[in-house]
Amino acid sequence: MRTTDWKYRTILFLISQNISLFGSLLVQYAIIWHITLETQSGSVMTISILCGFIPTFLVSPFAGVWADRFDRRRLIVLSDALIAVATLGMAIFFHLGQEELWQMFAVLAVRSFGTGIQTPAVHAILPQIVPSDKLMRVNGINSSTLSVVNIISPLAGGALLSMLPMEAIFLIDVGTATLAIFILVFLLKIPSHVEGVEMEKIDYLQDLKEGFAYIGSHRFIKILFTFCGLYFVMVAPAAFLSPLQVARSYGEDVWRLSAIEAAFSAGMVLGGLLVATWGGFHNRIRTMGTSLLVFGTFVFLIGFIPPFWLYLACMVLLGISMPLFNSPFTVLLQQRVDSRYMGRVFSVFGMLSSSVMPMAMLVFGPLSDSIPIEWLMLTSGVAIVAIGVGMLLDTRLLKEGLPDA
């Protein structure tokens, strides 16, 4: 593969994904803020979170097989199209004045289903395009560009909510999805991975068994997924309840919700640039463990209800720490996992993240209606720091975290 070839394909692919993400985030923020401001209920927030995760969990086993068997580019296109159609339907309901809370839950569920199909394909397709020694840098750059979109989206969402009806925001998402599909179909050519072309008959049960057997025989993946599972449990309050915390503690202004999202995303831009330029410690597990120490510390601090400007500063630092965990994790899987099982391994990880966090919210969501959210932040912050310490002390993980392992 010539240098110009992989760079051109990578740029086009990342552009398409960022365009699609921008529209998706506009809709996501519009729905979440609508539910948050209208209900201010932790239980209702929990229902919306379940709708946003359970379909991903249910489709992930099949999506992993599809990502290993079929053209991954086409899978991404089909999932984008499915999400766009669901969003268009929601726009029509709003235009007719027939919007209901259950419809928002339904759209979140369809979008989650499409995401469950798309995510394993996206993670598995990058090693097809990018040389192995460039994956860390590309993932870092991708993290920064995604974070820029995450900065623009809440700011644009807050402005658009004050100027346009909800259905107009939904139509923007339909337009960005259409443009992303156009790029993938007409401008980007990625040859199908060899394994997907050679395999013809699909036995889902057998393929799933092989995928789980591969993970079961891979000690490093099992240990890494165990730590990630613990992290997903304890990160749930910070991930899902911070908008509710802000609405209760600082006021119901939309600009405050936009500000915390923008601050977090600004931090992720800086963190992504840090990964792209510095690359993290020589041992990638050390980078991941350190990021958890930082993340847990600032989750703990926002539990003290600091002045709002200091709350925003904590969100920036939380954002900086995220790429230092996500990018090394993704690269470790992309480099350690056999390409024949890449889609299935990422789909199992998708099942882990889409099941553990909602189950945690079944506890944290109702608790947030009976005890202060700040107590949950303090507790989860301490727990995340403990998980980070555990990773840094695990010699088996540290051995695999070396680039030449």
Protein backbone atom coordinates (compact mmCIF):
# COMPACT_ATOMS: atom_id res chain seq x y z
CA MET A 1 0.00 0.00 0.00
CA ARG A 2 1.47 3.35 -1.04
CA THR A 3 1.72 6.08 1.59
CA THR A 4 -0.63 8.35 -0.32
CA ASP A 5 -3.21 5.56 -0.68
CA TRP A 6 -3.66 4.82 3.02
CA LYS A 7 -3.57 8.50 3.97
CA TYR A 8 -6.19 9.41 1.36
CA ARG A 9 -8.49 6.58 2.42
CA THR A 10 -8.03 7.33 6.10
CA ILE A 11 -8.82 11.02 5.63
CA LEU A 12 -11.96 10.29 3.61
CA PHE A 13 -13.13 7.67 6.09
CA LEU A 14 -12.61 9.92 9.13
CA ILE A 15 -14.34 12.83 7.35
CA SER A 16 -17.39 10.68 6.65
CA GLN A 17 -17.56 9.46 10.25
CA ASN A 18 -17.21 12.96 11.70
CA ILE A 19 -19.90 14.37 9.42
CA SER A 20 -22.26 11.60 10.46
CA LEU A 21 -21.35 12.07 14.13
CA PHE A 22 -22.11 15.80 14.03
CA GLY A 23 -25.70 15.24 12.96
CA SER A 24 -26.12 12.35 15.37
CA LEU A 25 -24.93 14.42 18.32
CA LEU A 26 -27.34 17.24 17.49
CA VAL A 27 -30.20 14.78 17.79
CA GLN A 28 -28.74 13.11 20.87
CA TYR A 29 -28.35 16.37 22.75
CA ALA A 30 -31.78 17.57 21.65
CA ILE A 31 -33.44 14.42 22.99
CA ILE A 32 -31.42 14.19 26.23
CA TRP A 33 -31.86 17.86 27.07
CA HIS A 34 -35.57 17.69 26.30
CA ILE A 35 -35.98 14.72 28.64
CA THR A 36 -33.74 16.25 31.33
CA LEU A 37 -35.41 19.66 31.39
CA GLU A 38 -38.96 18.38 31.02
CA THR A 39 -38.81 15.62 33.64
CA GLN A 40 -35.72 16.16 35.87
CA SER A 41 -36.22 12.51 36.79
CA GLY A 42 -33.40 10.05 37.34
CA SER A 43 -35.78 7.17 36.65
CA VAL A 44 -36.84 8.59 33.27
CA MET A 45 -33.19 9.22 32.44
CA THR A 46 -32.51 5.58 33.27
CA ILE A 47 -35.23 4.45 30.82
CA SER A 48 -33.71 6.59 28.07
CA ILE A 49 -30.25 5.16 28.82
CA LEU A 50 -31.60 1.60 28.66
CA CYS A 51 -33.19 2.39 25.29
CA GLY A 52 -29.84 3.69 24.13
CA PHE A 53 -27.87 0.61 25.19
CA ILE A 54 -29.98 -2.56 25.22
CA PRO A 55 -30.42 -2.76 21.40
CA THR A 56 -26.64 -2.43 21.01
CA PHE A 57 -26.19 -5.31 23.43
CA LEU A 58 -28.72 -7.50 21.60
CA VAL A 59 -27.34 -6.90 18.10
CA SER A 60 -23.62 -6.91 18.98
CA PRO A 61 -23.08 -10.70 18.73
CA PHE A 62 -24.51 -10.72 15.22
CA ALA A 63 -22.78 -7.46 14.28
CA GLY A 64 -19.41 -8.93 15.18
CA VAL A 65 -20.02 -11.90 12.88
CA TRP A 66 -21.19 -9.58 10.11
CA ALA A 67 -18.07 -7.41 10.53
CA ASP A 68 -15.88 -10.49 10.08
CA ARG A 69 -17.92 -11.96 7.24
CA PHE A 70 -19.17 -9.08 5.10
CA ASP A 71 -17.90 -5.87 3.54
CA ARG A 72 -17.41 -3.59 6.52
CA ARG A 73 -17.89 -0.42 4.48
CA ARG A 74 -21.35 -1.58 3.39
CA LEU A 75 -22.29 -2.38 6.98
CA ILE A 76 -21.42 1.18 8.00
CA VAL A 77 -23.50 2.57 5.13
CA LEU A 78 -26.52 0.41 6.00
CA SER A 79 -26.41 1.34 9.70
CA ASP A 80 -26.16 5.05 8.84
CA ALA A 81 -29.15 4.69 6.53
CA LEU A 82 -31.20 2.93 9.22
CA ILE A 83 -30.50 5.68 11.74
CA ALA A 84 -31.35 8.38 9.19
CA VAL A 85 -34.72 6.79 8.39
CA ALA A 86 -35.63 6.57 12.10
CA THR A 87 -34.64 10.21 12.63
CA LEU A 88 -36.70 11.29 9.61
CA GLY A 89 -39.72 9.53 11.10
CA MET A 90 -39.22 11.43 14.36
CA ALA A 91 -39.04 14.72 12.44
CA ILE A 92 -42.39 13.94 10.79
CA PHE A 93 -44.03 13.20 14.16
CA PHE A 94 -42.77 16.49 15.59
CA HIS A 95 -43.90 18.40 12.52
CA LEU A 96 -47.41 16.95 12.92
CA GLY A 97 -47.43 17.87 16.61
CA GLN A 98 -47.70 14.26 17.67
CA GLU A 99 -44.47 13.93 19.62
CA GLU A 100 -44.54 11.71 22.69
CA LEU A 101 -41.91 10.60 25.19
CA TRP A 102 -42.18 6.98 24.05
CA GLN A 103 -41.30 8.06 20.51
CA MET A 104 -38.02 9.52 21.74
CA PHE A 105 -37.31 6.27 23.53
CA ALA A 106 -38.05 4.39 20.29
CA VAL A 107 -35.70 6.59 18.24
CA LEU A 108 -32.95 6.13 20.85
CA ALA A 109 -33.48 2.37 20.57
CA VAL A 110 -33.25 2.34 16.75
CA ARG A 111 -30.16 4.54 16.85
CA SER A 112 -28.63 2.18 19.40
CA PHE A 113 -29.38 -0.79 17.12
CA GLY A 114 -27.65 0.94 14.20
CA THR A 115 -24.69 1.90 16.37
CA GLY A 116 -24.34 -1.71 17.50
CA ILE A 117 -23.95 -2.75 13.87
CA GLN A 118 -21.65 0.10 12.95
CA THR A 119 -19.15 0.16 15.82
CA PRO A 120 -17.47 -3.25 15.32
CA ALA A 121 -17.21 -2.53 11.59
CA VAL A 122 -15.60 0.89 12.17
CA HIS A 123 -13.02 -0.48 14.63
CA ALA A 124 -12.26 -3.47 12.41
CA ILE A 125 -11.94 -1.48 9.19
CA LEU A 126 -9.20 0.89 10.41
CA PRO A 127 -6.48 -1.80 10.47
CA GLN A 128 -7.43 -2.53 6.84
CA ILE A 129 -6.59 1.06 5.91
CA VAL A 130 -3.88 2.13 8.35
CA PRO A 131 -0.43 0.50 8.75
CA SER A 132 -0.01 -1.12 12.18
CA ASP A 133 2.74 1.25 13.30
CA LYS A 134 0.53 4.26 12.50
CA LEU A 135 -2.59 3.08 14.39
CA MET A 136 -1.77 4.88 17.67
CA ARG A 137 -1.25 8.19 15.91
CA VAL A 138 -4.34 7.81 13.73
CA ASN A 139 -6.48 6.88 16.74
CA GLY A 140 -5.14 9.90 18.59
CA ILE A 141 -5.89 12.22 15.66
CA ASN A 142 -9.32 10.65 15.28
CA SER A 143 -9.99 11.21 18.97
CA SER A 144 -9.14 14.90 18.57
CA THR A 145 -11.29 15.39 15.48
CA LEU A 146 -14.20 13.59 17.12
CA SER A 147 -13.74 15.82 20.13
CA VAL A 148 -13.85 18.95 17.97
CA VAL A 149 -17.19 17.72 16.70
CA ASN A 150 -18.21 17.11 20.32
CA ILE A 151 -17.37 20.74 21.10
CA ILE A 152 -19.26 22.17 18.15
CA SER A 153 -22.30 19.92 18.51
CA PRO A 154 -23.56 20.99 21.97
CA LEU A 155 -22.87 24.65 21.21
CA ALA A 156 -24.69 24.36 17.89
CA GLY A 157 -27.40 22.26 19.53
CA GLY A 158 -28.02 24.85 22.23
CA ALA A 159 -28.18 27.64 19.66
CA LEU A 160 -30.41 25.70 17.29
CA LEU A 161 -32.81 24.68 20.09
CA SER A 162 -33.43 28.36 20.76
CA MET A 163 -33.97 29.21 17.10
CA LEU A 164 -35.41 26.16 15.37
CA PRO A 165 -38.09 23.57 16.10
CA MET A 166 -36.96 20.06 17.03
CA GLU A 167 -37.94 18.62 13.63
CA ALA A 168 -35.46 20.94 11.89
CA ILE A 169 -32.64 19.57 14.04
CA PHE A 170 -33.71 16.02 13.16
CA LEU A 171 -33.58 16.90 9.46
CA ILE A 172 -30.02 18.20 9.84
CA ASP A 173 -29.04 14.72 11.05
CA VAL A 174 -30.73 13.16 8.02
CA GLY A 175 -28.71 15.47 5.76
CA THR A 176 -25.36 14.74 7.41
CA ALA A 177 -26.02 10.99 7.30
CA THR A 178 -26.81 11.23 3.58
CA LEU A 179 -23.56 13.11 2.93
CA ALA A 180 -21.55 10.54 4.92
CA ILE A 181 -23.14 7.71 2.94
CA PHE A 182 -22.31 9.49 -0.33
CA ILE A 183 -18.63 9.70 0.64
CA LEU A 184 -18.45 6.03 1.61
CA VAL A 185 -20.29 4.79 -1.48
CA PHE A 186 -18.92 6.99 -4.24
CA LEU A 187 -15.58 8.41 -3.07
CA LEU A 188 -14.01 5.78 -0.82
CA LYS A 189 -12.87 2.42 -2.17
CA ILE A 190 -11.75 -0.13 0.41
CA PRO A 191 -11.16 -3.73 -0.73
CA SER A 192 -13.08 -6.32 1.29
CA HIS A 193 -10.93 -8.09 3.85
CA VAL A 194 -9.82 -11.49 2.52
CA GLU A 195 -11.50 -13.56 5.22
CA GLY A 196 -14.87 -11.99 4.48
CA VAL A 197 -14.62 -12.88 0.80
CA GLU A 198 -13.50 -16.45 1.35
CA MET A 199 -16.22 -17.37 3.86
CA GLU A 200 -19.57 -18.05 2.27
CA LYS A 201 -21.91 -19.94 4.60
CA ILE A 202 -22.68 -18.31 7.94
CA ASP A 203 -23.31 -20.40 11.03
CA TYR A 204 -23.99 -17.74 13.66
CA LEU A 205 -23.86 -20.12 16.59
CA GLN A 206 -20.57 -21.61 15.48
CA ASP A 207 -19.08 -18.21 14.67
CA LEU A 208 -20.10 -16.86 18.06
CA LYS A 209 -18.67 -19.91 19.79
CA GLU A 210 -15.39 -19.42 17.95
CA GLY A 211 -15.33 -15.74 18.93
CA PHE A 212 -15.95 -16.43 22.62
CA ALA A 213 -13.50 -19.34 22.55
CA TYR A 214 -10.85 -17.04 21.09
CA ILE A 215 -11.42 -14.50 23.88
CA GLY A 216 -11.51 -17.27 26.49
CA SER A 217 -8.15 -18.57 25.34
CA HIS A 218 -6.61 -15.07 25.27
CA ARG A 219 -5.70 -14.29 28.88
CA PHE A 220 -4.74 -10.68 28.18
CA ILE A 221 -8.12 -9.87 26.61
CA LYS A 222 -9.99 -11.50 29.51
CA ILE A 223 -8.10 -9.49 32.12
CA LEU A 224 -8.39 -6.25 30.14
CA PHE A 225 -12.14 -6.72 29.65
CA THR A 226 -12.55 -7.42 33.38
CA PHE A 227 -10.96 -4.09 34.32
CA CYS A 228 -13.03 -2.33 31.67
CA GLY A 229 -16.21 -3.89 33.05
CA LEU A 230 -15.44 -2.58 36.53
CA TYR A 231 -14.68 0.84 35.07
CA PHE A 232 -17.98 0.92 33.15
CA VAL A 233 -19.90 0.29 36.37
CA MET A 234 -18.29 3.15 38.27
CA VAL A 235 -18.18 5.68 35.41
CA ALA A 236 -21.98 5.54 34.95
CA PRO A 237 -22.79 8.44 37.35
CA ALA A 238 -20.29 10.79 35.69
CA ALA A 239 -21.31 9.70 32.20
CA PHE A 240 -25.07 9.96 32.59
CA LEU A 241 -25.98 11.99 35.66
CA SER A 242 -23.79 15.10 35.22
CA PRO A 243 -26.50 16.95 33.16
CA LEU A 244 -29.03 16.16 35.88
CA GLN A 245 -26.57 17.27 38.56
CA VAL A 246 -26.02 20.57 36.76
CA ALA A 247 -29.77 21.15 36.28
CA ARG A 248 -30.43 20.53 39.98
CA SER A 249 -27.41 22.31 41.47
CA TYR A 250 -26.72 25.22 39.11
CA GLY A 251 -29.95 25.89 37.21
CA GLU A 252 -32.00 24.64 34.27
CA ASP A 253 -30.37 26.86 31.64
CA VAL A 254 -29.62 25.11 28.35
CA TRP A 255 -26.35 27.03 28.07
CA ARG A 256 -25.05 25.29 31.19
CA LEU A 257 -25.73 21.87 29.65
CA SER A 258 -24.01 23.04 26.45
CA ALA A 259 -21.08 24.35 28.47
CA ILE A 260 -20.33 21.10 30.30
CA GLU A 261 -20.47 19.11 27.05
CA ALA A 262 -18.25 21.64 25.29
CA ALA A 263 -15.78 21.70 28.19
CA PHE A 264 -15.52 17.92 28.26
CA SER A 265 -15.08 17.78 24.49
CA ALA A 266 -12.44 20.52 24.57
CA GLY A 267 -10.52 18.38 27.02
CA MET A 268 -10.85 15.40 24.68
CA VAL A 269 -9.39 17.47 21.85
CA LEU A 270 -6.37 18.25 23.98
CA GLY A 271 -6.12 14.64 25.11
CA GLY A 272 -6.32 13.38 21.53
CA LEU A 273 -3.61 15.79 20.42
CA LEU A 274 -1.52 14.65 23.37
CA VAL A 275 -1.88 11.03 22.25
CA ALA A 276 -1.11 11.93 18.62
CA THR A 277 2.06 13.87 19.49
CA TRP A 278 3.33 12.19 22.65
CA GLY A 279 1.84 8.73 22.21
CA GLY A 280 1.62 7.99 25.91
CA PHE A 281 4.05 6.03 28.05
CA HIS A 282 6.14 3.30 26.48
CA ASN A 283 3.85 0.80 28.19
CA ARG A 284 0.28 1.41 27.02
CA ILE A 285 -1.22 -0.11 30.16
CA ARG A 286 0.60 2.53 32.21
CA THR A 287 -1.03 5.21 30.06
CA MET A 288 -4.47 3.67 30.59
CA GLY A 289 -4.01 3.22 34.34
CA THR A 290 -2.75 6.79 34.78
CA SER A 291 -5.74 8.13 32.86
CA LEU A 292 -8.05 6.36 35.32
CA LEU A 293 -6.24 7.94 38.26
CA VAL A 294 -6.79 11.39 36.73
CA PHE A 295 -10.38 10.66 35.73
CA GLY A 296 -11.35 9.28 39.14
CA THR A 297 -9.76 12.22 40.94
CA PHE A 298 -11.80 14.82 39.07
CA VAL A 299 -15.03 12.82 39.27
CA PHE A 300 -14.46 12.90 43.04
CA LEU A 301 -13.93 16.68 42.95
CA ILE A 302 -17.17 17.49 41.09
CA GLY A 303 -18.98 15.74 43.94
CA PHE A 304 -18.27 18.80 46.11
CA ILE A 305 -20.46 21.13 43.96
CA PRO A 306 -17.66 23.60 43.20
CA PRO A 307 -18.36 27.00 41.60
CA PHE A 308 -19.63 26.43 38.08
CA TRP A 309 -16.44 27.69 36.42
CA LEU A 310 -14.44 25.18 38.47
CA TYR A 311 -16.93 22.45 37.54
CA LEU A 312 -16.20 23.27 33.89
CA ALA A 313 -12.44 23.11 34.56
CA CYS A 314 -12.90 19.63 36.04
CA MET A 315 -14.85 18.60 32.93
CA VAL A 316 -11.95 19.74 30.74
CA LEU A 317 -9.51 17.62 32.73
CA LEU A 318 -11.89 14.66 32.63
CA GLY A 319 -11.96 15.04 28.85
CA ILE A 320 -8.16 15.15 28.60
CA SER A 321 -7.88 11.82 30.40
CA MET A 322 -10.34 9.96 28.16
CA PRO A 323 -8.22 9.57 24.97
CA LEU A 324 -5.34 8.41 27.16
CA PHE A 325 -7.51 5.43 28.03
CA ASN A 326 -9.51 4.86 24.84
CA SER A 327 -6.75 5.16 22.23
CA PRO A 328 -4.24 2.71 23.82
CA PHE A 329 -7.11 0.29 24.52
CA THR A 330 -8.28 0.33 20.90
CA VAL A 331 -4.76 0.00 19.53
CA LEU A 332 -3.96 -2.91 21.86
CA LEU A 333 -6.96 -4.83 20.54
CA GLN A 334 -6.27 -3.90 16.92
CA GLN A 335 -2.68 -5.14 17.25
CA ARG A 336 -3.18 -8.16 19.51
CA VAL A 337 -6.35 -9.68 18.01
CA ASP A 338 -6.26 -11.99 14.98
CA SER A 339 -7.91 -10.17 12.06
CA ARG A 340 -10.27 -13.13 11.57
CA TYR A 341 -11.81 -12.43 14.98
CA MET A 342 -11.49 -8.63 15.05
CA GLY A 343 -15.17 -7.87 14.51
CA ARG A 344 -16.33 -10.43 17.06
CA VAL A 345 -13.92 -9.26 19.74
CA PHE A 346 -15.03 -5.65 19.31
CA SER A 347 -18.66 -6.78 19.32
CA VAL A 348 -18.15 -8.61 22.62
CA PHE A 349 -16.62 -5.43 23.99
CA GLY A 350 -19.70 -3.60 22.69
CA MET A 351 -21.89 -6.09 24.54
CA LEU A 352 -19.87 -5.46 27.70
CA SER A 353 -20.19 -1.68 27.53
CA SER A 354 -23.84 -1.72 26.44
CA SER A 355 -24.92 -4.05 29.24
CA VAL A 356 -22.79 -3.11 32.24
CA MET A 357 -23.44 0.65 32.15
CA PRO A 358 -27.26 0.35 31.85
CA MET A 359 -27.31 -2.25 34.62
CA ALA A 360 -25.29 0.13 36.77
CA MET A 361 -27.82 2.88 36.00
CA LEU A 362 -30.61 0.62 37.23
CA VAL A 363 -29.00 1.24 40.61
CA PHE A 364 -27.57 4.75 40.22
CA GLY A 365 -30.61 6.24 38.40
CA PRO A 366 -33.22 5.54 41.11
CA LEU A 367 -30.62 6.35 43.79
CA SER A 368 -30.21 9.82 42.26
CA ASP A 369 -33.88 10.50 43.05
CA SER A 370 -33.44 9.65 46.72
CA ILE A 371 -29.89 10.78 47.58
CA PRO A 372 -27.76 13.67 46.28
CA ILE A 373 -25.98 12.95 42.99
CA GLU A 374 -22.86 14.40 44.58
CA TRP A 375 -22.62 11.40 46.91
CA LEU A 376 -22.60 9.12 43.86
CA MET A 377 -19.81 11.18 42.27
CA LEU A 378 -17.66 10.99 45.39
CA THR A 379 -18.07 7.22 45.68
CA SER A 380 -17.51 6.45 42.00
CA GLY A 381 -14.46 8.74 41.86
CA VAL A 382 -12.74 6.79 44.63
CA ALA A 383 -13.66 3.49 42.95
CA ILE A 384 -12.24 4.57 39.56
CA VAL A 385 -8.94 5.55 41.20
CA ALA A 386 -8.82 2.09 42.81
CA ILE A 387 -9.40 0.43 39.42
CA GLY A 388 -6.56 2.48 37.93
CA VAL A 389 -4.22 1.41 40.73
CA GLY A 390 -5.23 -2.22 40.10
CA MET A 391 -4.30 -1.94 36.42
CA LEU A 392 -0.93 -0.41 37.23
CA LEU A 393 -0.15 -3.22 39.66
CA ASP A 394 -1.21 -6.11 37.41
CA THR A 395 2.02 -7.59 36.03
CA ARG A 396 0.18 -9.65 33.38
CA LEU A 397 -1.37 -6.53 31.86
CA LEU A 398 1.88 -4.59 32.07
CA LYS A 399 3.72 -7.31 30.17
CA GLU A 400 1.23 -7.16 27.29
CA GLY A 401 1.21 -3.36 27.32
CA LEU A 402 4.72 -3.18 25.87
CA PRO A 403 4.83 -2.42 22.11
CA ASP A 404 7.03 -5.44 21.39
CA ALA A 405 4.95 -7.91 23.44
